[in-house]
Amino acid sequence: MTPFGDTVIFTECTADRGLAVRVRDVFGGLGAALALSACVTQNAQHQTTTFLDSYAQAQPTLASFRECHGFACSSSSTVSLSPQEWSKVVAVMRPPAKDAKAERRKISVAVATMRMLVGAKTGTAVHQWTHKDREILPNMSDPTQLDCIDESVNTWTYMTMMERGGLFRFHEVAKLSNSGGLVDPRNTAVLREKNGDLYAIDPALVDAGVPPPVIPLASWMTEWPPDLSKSDTPKTKVNIRTRSAALEKPAQ
């Protein structure tokens, strides 16, 4: 058993059954090797903890948590947030949402806020030039860039800290999910609404500072590339230079 509850079975498997990295040149990165070398038992939503077991800190706290970057967590940084920095995240979630849909929108903005707060410390709060047209381009060893493995693990960490901080009323953090094949493999963090509905929270689809799309997991798994105009996501960008994380309209 792993710290996150899955039994990992190391065996030969095809990449579309295993874990995948959404990159245009699949065979060019470490993620492809992982995809071809490790499988886990998965449910119909392809939910697994393999990348969490490999890269995430099981008990992230404000004093210490791990941030993945550089593609497939080839680089990682140990990060902390001050109470003042964390207050920017709390401010996004306050007042509490009145329903699950409103809470998901707040969570999306809070994830983008943490992404920028952490990125200011790790050097990753920069334009993600590898995120283009809902694909991820080859990285060329740039440690400031994040692929879908980095983004999904980091987003799980952010949302886990929020949930354990008492900021969620209608949701809980679920295992990561993956879909696609050798041509379009992808990974995402997942929220579970209290009624059981699952939603992909996928920052790999947008630039740093942009709230990640919130997409029903079933749609994220089967409809690719997703129509982001249909995602329930605030059309804004996070500005962390104010006392509380403010929102600004993206440049036209």
C-alpha atoms as a PDB file:
ATOM      1  CA  MET A   1       0.000   0.000   0.000  1.00  0.00           C
ATOM      2  CA  THR A   2       1.119   3.556  -0.677  1.00  0.00           C
ATOM      3  CA  PRO A   3       0.775   6.570   1.683  1.00  0.00           C
ATOM      4  CA  PHE A   4      -2.249   7.624  -0.377  1.00  0.00           C
ATOM      5  CA  GLY A   5      -4.026   4.273  -0.285  1.00  0.00           C
ATOM      6  CA  ASP A   6      -3.361   2.628  -3.655  1.00  0.00           C
ATOM      7  CA  THR A   7      -1.557  -0.638  -4.275  1.00  0.00           C
ATOM      8  CA  VAL A   8       1.054  -0.033  -6.968  1.00  0.00           C
ATOM      9  CA  ILE A   9       1.713  -2.900  -9.363  1.00  0.00           C
ATOM     10  CA  PHE A  10       4.916  -2.613 -11.391  1.00  0.00           C
ATOM     11  CA  THR A  11       4.398  -4.535 -14.601  1.00  0.00           C
ATOM     12  CA  GLU A  12       4.572  -4.142 -18.336  1.00  0.00           C
ATOM     13  CA  CYS A  13       1.647  -2.228 -19.717  1.00  0.00           C
ATOM     14  CA  THR A  14       0.617  -0.054 -22.611  1.00  0.00           C
ATOM     15  CA  ALA A  15       0.851   3.689 -22.119  1.00  0.00           C
ATOM     16  CA  ASP A  16      -2.875   4.264 -22.569  1.00  0.00           C
ATOM     17  CA  ARG A  17      -3.533   1.965 -19.601  1.00  0.00           C
ATOM     18  CA  GLY A  18      -0.828   3.538 -17.524  1.00  0.00           C
ATOM     19  CA  LEU A  19       0.081   7.062 -16.563  1.00  0.00           C
ATOM     20  CA  ALA A  20       0.631   9.655 -19.190  1.00  0.00           C
ATOM     21  CA  VAL A  21       2.267  13.013 -19.732  1.00  0.00           C
ATOM     22  CA  ARG A  22       0.569  15.476 -22.036  1.00  0.00           C
ATOM     23  CA  VAL A  23       3.456  16.512 -24.286  1.00  0.00           C
ATOM     24  CA  ARG A  24       3.636  16.828 -28.041  1.00  0.00           C
ATOM     25  CA  ASP A  25       6.756  14.637 -28.174  1.00  0.00           C
ATOM     26  CA  VAL A  26       5.768  11.865 -25.799  1.00  0.00           C
ATOM     27  CA  PHE A  27       9.012   9.972 -26.041  1.00  0.00           C
ATOM     28  CA  GLY A  28      11.100  13.043 -25.314  1.00  0.00           C
ATOM     29  CA  GLY A  29      10.581  13.199 -21.550  1.00  0.00           C
ATOM     30  CA  LEU A  30      10.820  11.326 -18.317  1.00  0.00           C
ATOM     31  CA  GLY A  31       7.039  11.042 -18.152  1.00  0.00           C
ATOM     32  CA  ALA A  32       7.007   8.694 -21.116  1.00  0.00           C
ATOM     33  CA  ALA A  33       9.349   6.332 -19.325  1.00  0.00           C
ATOM     34  CA  LEU A  34       7.076   6.405 -16.319  1.00  0.00           C
ATOM     35  CA  ALA A  35       4.052   5.822 -18.512  1.00  0.00           C
ATOM     36  CA  LEU A  36       5.635   2.752 -20.035  1.00  0.00           C
ATOM     37  CA  SER A  37       7.044   1.307 -16.825  1.00  0.00           C
ATOM     38  CA  ALA A  38       4.372   1.615 -14.155  1.00  0.00           C
ATOM     39  CA  CYS A  39       0.686   0.824 -13.894  1.00  0.00           C
ATOM     40  CA  VAL A  40      -1.706   1.037 -10.980  1.00  0.00           C
ATOM     41  CA  THR A  41      -5.116  -0.360 -10.301  1.00  0.00           C
ATOM     42  CA  GLN A  42      -7.548   2.276 -11.555  1.00  0.00           C
ATOM     43  CA  ASN A  43     -11.280   2.848 -11.400  1.00  0.00           C
ATOM     44  CA  ALA A  44     -13.465   3.938 -14.306  1.00  0.00           C
ATOM     45  CA  GLN A  45     -12.302   7.535 -13.772  1.00  0.00           C
ATOM     46  CA  HIS A  46      -8.635   6.446 -14.073  1.00  0.00           C
ATOM     47  CA  GLN A  47      -7.932   7.792 -10.597  1.00  0.00           C
ATOM     48  CA  THR A  48      -4.536   6.874  -9.170  1.00  0.00           C
ATOM     49  CA  THR A  49      -2.005   8.053  -6.611  1.00  0.00           C
ATOM     50  CA  THR A  50       1.192   7.015  -8.385  1.00  0.00           C
ATOM     51  CA  PHE A  51       2.459  10.548  -9.049  1.00  0.00           C
ATOM     52  CA  LEU A  52       1.376  11.617  -5.561  1.00  0.00           C
ATOM     53  CA  ASP A  53       3.302   8.717  -4.057  1.00  0.00           C
ATOM     54  CA  SER A  54       6.352   9.622  -6.130  1.00  0.00           C
ATOM     55  CA  TYR A  55       6.356  13.404  -5.845  1.00  0.00           C
ATOM     56  CA  ALA A  56       3.835  14.876  -3.398  1.00  0.00           C
ATOM     57  CA  GLN A  57       4.322  15.532   0.288  1.00  0.00           C
ATOM     58  CA  ALA A  58       1.605  13.495   2.009  1.00  0.00           C
ATOM     59  CA  GLN A  59       1.152  16.016   4.840  1.00  0.00           C
ATOM     60  CA  PRO A  60       1.770  19.456   3.310  1.00  0.00           C
ATOM     61  CA  THR A  61       1.781  22.363   5.753  1.00  0.00           C
ATOM     62  CA  LEU A  62       2.357  26.089   5.493  1.00  0.00           C
ATOM     63  CA  ALA A  63       5.771  25.522   7.047  1.00  0.00           C
ATOM     64  CA  SER A  64       6.860  22.998   4.419  1.00  0.00           C
ATOM     65  CA  PHE A  65       5.475  21.547   1.218  1.00  0.00           C
ATOM     66  CA  ARG A  66       6.917  20.364  -2.061  1.00  0.00           C
ATOM     67  CA  GLU A  67       6.511  22.096  -5.430  1.00  0.00           C
ATOM     68  CA  CYS A  68       7.175  20.221  -8.683  1.00  0.00           C
ATOM     69  CA  HIS A  69       8.517  21.938 -11.797  1.00  0.00           C
ATOM     70  CA  GLY A  70      10.771  21.369 -14.790  1.00  0.00           C
ATOM     71  CA  PHE A  71       8.473  18.656 -16.286  1.00  0.00           C
ATOM     72  CA  ALA A  72       7.609  15.346 -14.613  1.00  0.00           C
ATOM     73  CA  CYS A  73       8.876  16.802 -11.320  1.00  0.00           C
ATOM     74  CA  SER A  74      12.443  16.646 -12.627  1.00  0.00           C
ATOM     75  CA  SER A  75      13.040  19.637 -10.333  1.00  0.00           C
ATOM     76  CA  SER A  76      11.382  20.226  -6.982  1.00  0.00           C
ATOM     77  CA  SER A  77      11.522  22.912  -4.329  1.00  0.00           C
ATOM     78  CA  THR A  78      10.592  22.869  -0.656  1.00  0.00           C
ATOM     79  CA  VAL A  79       8.396  25.905  -0.053  1.00  0.00           C
ATOM     80  CA  SER A  80       6.734  27.639   2.886  1.00  0.00           C
ATOM     81  CA  LEU A  81       4.062  30.325   3.060  1.00  0.00           C
ATOM     82  CA  SER A  82       3.820  32.973   5.748  1.00  0.00           C
ATOM     83  CA  PRO A  83       0.500  33.642   7.510  1.00  0.00           C
ATOM     84  CA  GLN A  84       0.282  36.869   5.525  1.00  0.00           C
ATOM     85  CA  GLU A  85       0.709  35.002   2.248  1.00  0.00           C
ATOM     86  CA  TRP A  86      -1.804  32.332   3.244  1.00  0.00           C
ATOM     87  CA  SER A  87      -4.297  35.086   4.105  1.00  0.00           C
ATOM     88  CA  LYS A  88      -4.440  35.934   0.392  1.00  0.00           C
ATOM     89  CA  VAL A  89      -5.695  32.415  -0.301  1.00  0.00           C
ATOM     90  CA  VAL A  90      -8.173  32.557   2.571  1.00  0.00           C
ATOM     91  CA  ALA A  91      -9.465  35.901   1.299  1.00  0.00           C
ATOM     92  CA  VAL A  92     -10.389  34.293  -2.032  1.00  0.00           C
ATOM     93  CA  MET A  93     -12.528  31.693  -0.233  1.00  0.00           C
ATOM     94  CA  ARG A  94     -14.264  34.228   2.004  1.00  0.00           C
ATOM     95  CA  PRO A  95     -17.118  34.700   2.460  1.00  0.00           C
ATOM     96  CA  PRO A  96     -17.902  30.989   2.053  1.00  0.00           C
ATOM     97  CA  ALA A  97     -19.694  30.050  -1.147  1.00  0.00           C
ATOM     98  CA  LYS A  98     -23.421  29.384  -0.896  1.00  0.00           C
ATOM     99  CA  ASP A  99     -23.376  26.433  -3.288  1.00  0.00           C
ATOM    100  CA  ALA A 100     -20.983  23.947  -4.873  1.00  0.00           C
ATOM    101  CA  LYS A 101     -20.738  25.720  -8.226  1.00  0.00           C
ATOM    102  CA  ALA A 102     -19.751  28.998  -6.600  1.00  0.00           C
ATOM    103  CA  GLU A 103     -17.233  27.184  -4.415  1.00  0.00           C
ATOM    104  CA  ARG A 104     -15.573  25.591  -7.453  1.00  0.00           C
ATOM    105  CA  ARG A 105     -15.092  29.031  -8.977  1.00  0.00           C
ATOM    106  CA  LYS A 106     -13.502  30.251  -5.759  1.00  0.00           C
ATOM    107  CA  ILE A 107     -11.257  27.190  -5.593  1.00  0.00           C
ATOM    108  CA  SER A 108     -10.087  27.828  -9.155  1.00  0.00           C
ATOM    109  CA  VAL A 109      -9.038  31.367  -8.244  1.00  0.00           C
ATOM    110  CA  ALA A 110      -7.449  30.172  -5.003  1.00  0.00           C
ATOM    111  CA  VAL A 111      -5.379  27.601  -6.927  1.00  0.00           C
ATOM    112  CA  ALA A 112      -4.140  30.339  -9.276  1.00  0.00           C
ATOM    113  CA  THR A 113      -3.337  32.498  -6.251  1.00  0.00           C
ATOM    114  CA  MET A 114      -1.236  29.768  -4.642  1.00  0.00           C
ATOM    115  CA  ARG A 115       0.394  29.039  -7.981  1.00  0.00           C
ATOM    116  CA  MET A 116       1.651  32.636  -8.135  1.00  0.00           C
ATOM    117  CA  LEU A 117       2.584  32.897  -4.454  1.00  0.00           C
ATOM    118  CA  VAL A 118       4.650  29.732  -4.705  1.00  0.00           C
ATOM    119  CA  GLY A 119       5.981  30.613  -8.141  1.00  0.00           C
ATOM    120  CA  ALA A 120       7.370  33.868  -6.781  1.00  0.00           C
ATOM    121  CA  LYS A 121       9.615  31.731  -4.567  1.00  0.00           C
ATOM    122  CA  THR A 122      10.531  29.011  -7.086  1.00  0.00           C
ATOM    123  CA  GLY A 123      10.918  31.156 -10.201  1.00  0.00           C
ATOM    124  CA  THR A 124       7.909  29.546 -11.902  1.00  0.00           C
ATOM    125  CA  ALA A 125       5.540  32.526 -11.724  1.00  0.00           C
ATOM    126  CA  VAL A 126       6.419  33.247 -15.338  1.00  0.00           C
ATOM    127  CA  HIS A 127       4.827  32.844 -18.738  1.00  0.00           C
ATOM    128  CA  GLN A 128       4.397  29.152 -19.460  1.00  0.00           C
ATOM    129  CA  TRP A 129       5.599  29.195 -23.043  1.00  0.00           C
ATOM    130  CA  THR A 130       5.222  25.404 -23.161  1.00  0.00           C
ATOM    131  CA  HIS A 131       1.443  25.728 -22.675  1.00  0.00           C
ATOM    132  CA  LYS A 132       0.185  26.388 -26.206  1.00  0.00           C
ATOM    133  CA  ASP A 133      -3.216  25.719 -27.766  1.00  0.00           C
ATOM    134  CA  ARG A 134      -4.175  23.278 -24.985  1.00  0.00           C
ATOM    135  CA  GLU A 135      -1.034  21.229 -25.624  1.00  0.00           C
ATOM    136  CA  ILE A 136       2.302  21.118 -23.832  1.00  0.00           C
ATOM    137  CA  LEU A 137       5.387  21.644 -25.955  1.00  0.00           C
ATOM    138  CA  PRO A 138       8.758  19.981 -25.257  1.00  0.00           C
ATOM    139  CA  ASN A 139      10.537  21.743 -22.414  1.00  0.00           C
ATOM    140  CA  MET A 140      14.222  21.923 -23.442  1.00  0.00           C
ATOM    141  CA  SER A 141      15.303  21.688 -19.762  1.00  0.00           C
ATOM    142  CA  ASP A 142      13.707  24.947 -18.594  1.00  0.00           C
ATOM    143  CA  PRO A 143      13.061  24.530 -14.828  1.00  0.00           C
ATOM    144  CA  THR A 144      10.508  27.368 -14.823  1.00  0.00           C
ATOM    145  CA  GLN A 145       8.075  25.371 -16.961  1.00  0.00           C
ATOM    146  CA  LEU A 146       5.437  22.950 -15.672  1.00  0.00           C
ATOM    147  CA  ASP A 147       3.840  20.021 -17.468  1.00  0.00           C
ATOM    148  CA  CYS A 148       0.614  18.256 -16.548  1.00  0.00           C
ATOM    149  CA  ILE A 149       2.360  16.055 -13.970  1.00  0.00           C
ATOM    150  CA  ASP A 150       3.837  19.076 -12.198  1.00  0.00           C
ATOM    151  CA  GLU A 151       0.546  20.961 -12.387  1.00  0.00           C
ATOM    152  CA  SER A 152      -1.621  18.081 -11.195  1.00  0.00           C
ATOM    153  CA  VAL A 153       0.627  17.218  -8.233  1.00  0.00           C
ATOM    154  CA  ASN A 154       1.000  20.871  -7.225  1.00  0.00           C
ATOM    155  CA  THR A 155      -2.734  21.519  -7.548  1.00  0.00           C
ATOM    156  CA  TRP A 156      -3.449  18.480  -5.368  1.00  0.00           C
ATOM    157  CA  THR A 157      -1.085  19.975  -2.775  1.00  0.00           C
ATOM    158  CA  TYR A 158      -2.714  23.413  -2.900  1.00  0.00           C
ATOM    159  CA  MET A 159      -6.250  22.041  -2.644  1.00  0.00           C
ATOM    160  CA  THR A 160      -5.279  19.616   0.122  1.00  0.00           C
ATOM    161  CA  MET A 161      -3.921  22.512   2.178  1.00  0.00           C
ATOM    162  CA  MET A 162      -7.126  24.465   1.558  1.00  0.00           C
ATOM    163  CA  GLU A 163      -9.352  21.535   2.502  1.00  0.00           C
ATOM    164  CA  ARG A 164      -7.379  20.794   5.667  1.00  0.00           C
ATOM    165  CA  GLY A 165      -7.508  24.510   6.445  1.00  0.00           C
ATOM    166  CA  GLY A 166     -11.300  24.320   6.599  1.00  0.00           C
ATOM    167  CA  LEU A 167     -11.891  26.340   3.427  1.00  0.00           C
ATOM    168  CA  PHE A 168     -14.136  23.822   1.616  1.00  0.00           C
ATOM    169  CA  ARG A 169     -17.827  23.271   2.399  1.00  0.00           C
ATOM    170  CA  PHE A 170     -19.054  21.338  -0.628  1.00  0.00           C
ATOM    171  CA  HIS A 171     -15.974  19.482  -1.907  1.00  0.00           C
ATOM    172  CA  GLU A 172     -13.077  17.247  -1.005  1.00  0.00           C
ATOM    173  CA  VAL A 173      -9.814  16.576  -2.809  1.00  0.00           C
ATOM    174  CA  ALA A 174      -9.776  13.327  -4.800  1.00  0.00           C
ATOM    175  CA  LYS A 175      -6.995  11.283  -6.382  1.00  0.00           C
ATOM    176  CA  LEU A 176      -5.413  12.440  -9.630  1.00  0.00           C
ATOM    177  CA  SER A 177      -6.879  11.245 -12.915  1.00  0.00           C
ATOM    178  CA  ASN A 178      -5.366  10.589 -16.336  1.00  0.00           C
ATOM    179  CA  SER A 179      -6.632   9.952 -19.834  1.00  0.00           C
ATOM    180  CA  GLY A 180      -5.611   9.870 -23.471  1.00  0.00           C
ATOM    181  CA  GLY A 181      -3.088   7.687 -25.230  1.00  0.00           C
ATOM    182  CA  LEU A 182       0.363   8.085 -26.742  1.00  0.00           C
ATOM    183  CA  VAL A 183      -0.836  10.970 -28.916  1.00  0.00           C
ATOM    184  CA  ASP A 184      -2.714  13.001 -26.290  1.00  0.00           C
ATOM    185  CA  PRO A 185      -1.898  11.722 -22.767  1.00  0.00           C
ATOM    186  CA  ARG A 186      -2.860  13.997 -19.897  1.00  0.00           C
ATOM    187  CA  ASN A 187      -3.149  14.206 -16.097  1.00  0.00           C
ATOM    188  CA  THR A 188      -5.235  16.379 -13.805  1.00  0.00           C
ATOM    189  CA  ALA A 189      -6.066  17.129 -10.194  1.00  0.00           C
ATOM    190  CA  VAL A 190      -9.642  16.293  -9.217  1.00  0.00           C
ATOM    191  CA  LEU A 191     -12.284  17.703  -6.882  1.00  0.00           C
ATOM    192  CA  ARG A 192     -15.142  15.545  -5.597  1.00  0.00           C
ATOM    193  CA  GLU A 193     -18.380  17.325  -4.778  1.00  0.00           C
ATOM    194  CA  LYS A 194     -20.131  15.971  -1.684  1.00  0.00           C
ATOM    195  CA  ASN A 195     -22.805  14.463  -3.974  1.00  0.00           C
ATOM    196  CA  GLY A 196     -20.097  12.385  -5.673  1.00  0.00           C
ATOM    197  CA  ASP A 197     -19.642  14.411  -8.872  1.00  0.00           C
ATOM    198  CA  LEU A 198     -16.011  14.708 -10.003  1.00  0.00           C
ATOM    199  CA  TYR A 199     -14.367  17.754 -11.608  1.00  0.00           C
ATOM    200  CA  ALA A 200     -10.986  18.152 -13.284  1.00  0.00           C
ATOM    201  CA  ILE A 201      -8.972  21.196 -12.177  1.00  0.00           C
ATOM    202  CA  ASP A 202      -6.371  21.512 -14.935  1.00  0.00           C
ATOM    203  CA  PRO A 203      -3.881  24.438 -14.820  1.00  0.00           C
ATOM    204  CA  ALA A 204      -1.877  22.859 -17.660  1.00  0.00           C
ATOM    205  CA  LEU A 205      -4.505  24.275 -20.028  1.00  0.00           C
ATOM    206  CA  VAL A 206      -3.736  27.915 -19.144  1.00  0.00           C
ATOM    207  CA  ASP A 207      -0.869  30.261 -18.328  1.00  0.00           C
ATOM    208  CA  ALA A 208       0.488  30.999 -14.859  1.00  0.00           C
ATOM    209  CA  GLY A 209      -1.859  33.223 -12.870  1.00  0.00           C
ATOM    210  CA  VAL A 210      -4.953  32.278 -14.849  1.00  0.00           C
ATOM    211  CA  PRO A 211      -7.578  30.361 -12.836  1.00  0.00           C
ATOM    212  CA  PRO A 212      -7.543  26.773 -14.108  1.00  0.00           C
ATOM    213  CA  PRO A 213     -10.542  25.426 -16.013  1.00  0.00           C
ATOM    214  CA  VAL A 214     -13.081  23.463 -13.986  1.00  0.00           C
ATOM    215  CA  ILE A 215     -14.421  20.665 -16.188  1.00  0.00           C
ATOM    216  CA  PRO A 216     -16.631  17.673 -15.324  1.00  0.00           C
ATOM    217  CA  LEU A 217     -14.148  14.815 -15.157  1.00  0.00           C
ATOM    218  CA  ALA A 218     -16.132  12.640 -17.568  1.00  0.00           C
ATOM    219  CA  SER A 219     -15.915  15.404 -20.193  1.00  0.00           C
ATOM    220  CA  TRP A 220     -12.223  16.016 -19.502  1.00  0.00           C
ATOM    221  CA  MET A 221     -11.528  12.329 -20.067  1.00  0.00           C
ATOM    222  CA  THR A 222     -13.527  11.881 -23.278  1.00  0.00           C
ATOM    223  CA  GLU A 223     -13.723  15.256 -25.068  1.00  0.00           C
ATOM    224  CA  TRP A 224     -10.288  16.440 -26.141  1.00  0.00           C
ATOM    225  CA  PRO A 225      -9.222  19.110 -26.628  1.00  0.00           C
ATOM    226  CA  PRO A 226     -11.807  20.650 -24.284  1.00  0.00           C
ATOM    227  CA  ASP A 227     -13.905  23.657 -25.227  1.00  0.00           C
ATOM    228  CA  LEU A 228     -12.701  26.083 -22.563  1.00  0.00           C
ATOM    229  CA  SER A 229     -15.562  28.473 -23.321  1.00  0.00           C
ATOM    230  CA  LYS A 230     -17.843  25.886 -21.697  1.00  0.00           C
ATOM    231  CA  SER A 231     -15.755  25.477 -18.552  1.00  0.00           C
ATOM    232  CA  ASP A 232     -17.011  27.073 -15.365  1.00  0.00           C
ATOM    233  CA  THR A 233     -14.016  29.275 -14.687  1.00  0.00           C
ATOM    234  CA  PRO A 234     -13.651  32.989 -13.838  1.00  0.00           C
ATOM    235  CA  LYS A 235     -12.289  34.855 -16.867  1.00  0.00           C
ATOM    236  CA  THR A 236      -9.721  36.744 -14.831  1.00  0.00           C
ATOM    237  CA  LYS A 237      -6.069  36.737 -13.838  1.00  0.00           C
ATOM    238  CA  VAL A 238      -4.615  36.757 -10.338  1.00  0.00           C
ATOM    239  CA  ASN A 239      -2.601  39.714  -9.060  1.00  0.00           C
ATOM    240  CA  ILE A 240      -0.795  38.847  -5.816  1.00  0.00           C
ATOM    241  CA  ARG A 241       0.891  42.228  -5.425  1.00  0.00           C
ATOM    242  CA  THR A 242      -2.061  43.594  -3.448  1.00  0.00           C
ATOM    243  CA  ARG A 243      -2.751  42.942   0.247  1.00  0.00           C
ATOM    244  CA  SER A 244      -5.297  40.312  -0.759  1.00  0.00           C
ATOM    245  CA  ALA A 245      -5.183  38.361  -3.986  1.00  0.00           C
ATOM    246  CA  ALA A 246      -7.035  40.599  -6.417  1.00  0.00           C
ATOM    247  CA  LEU A 247      -8.424  39.745  -9.817  1.00  0.00           C
ATOM    248  CA  GLU A 248      -7.834  41.645 -12.989  1.00  0.00           C
ATOM    249  CA  LYS A 249      -9.164  41.210 -16.484  1.00  0.00           C
ATOM    250  CA  PRO A 250      -6.651  39.643 -18.872  1.00  0.00           C
ATOM    251  CA  ALA A 251      -5.078  42.009 -21.379  1.00  0.00           C
ATOM    252  CA  GLN A 252      -7.043  42.160 -24.615  1.00  0.00           C
END
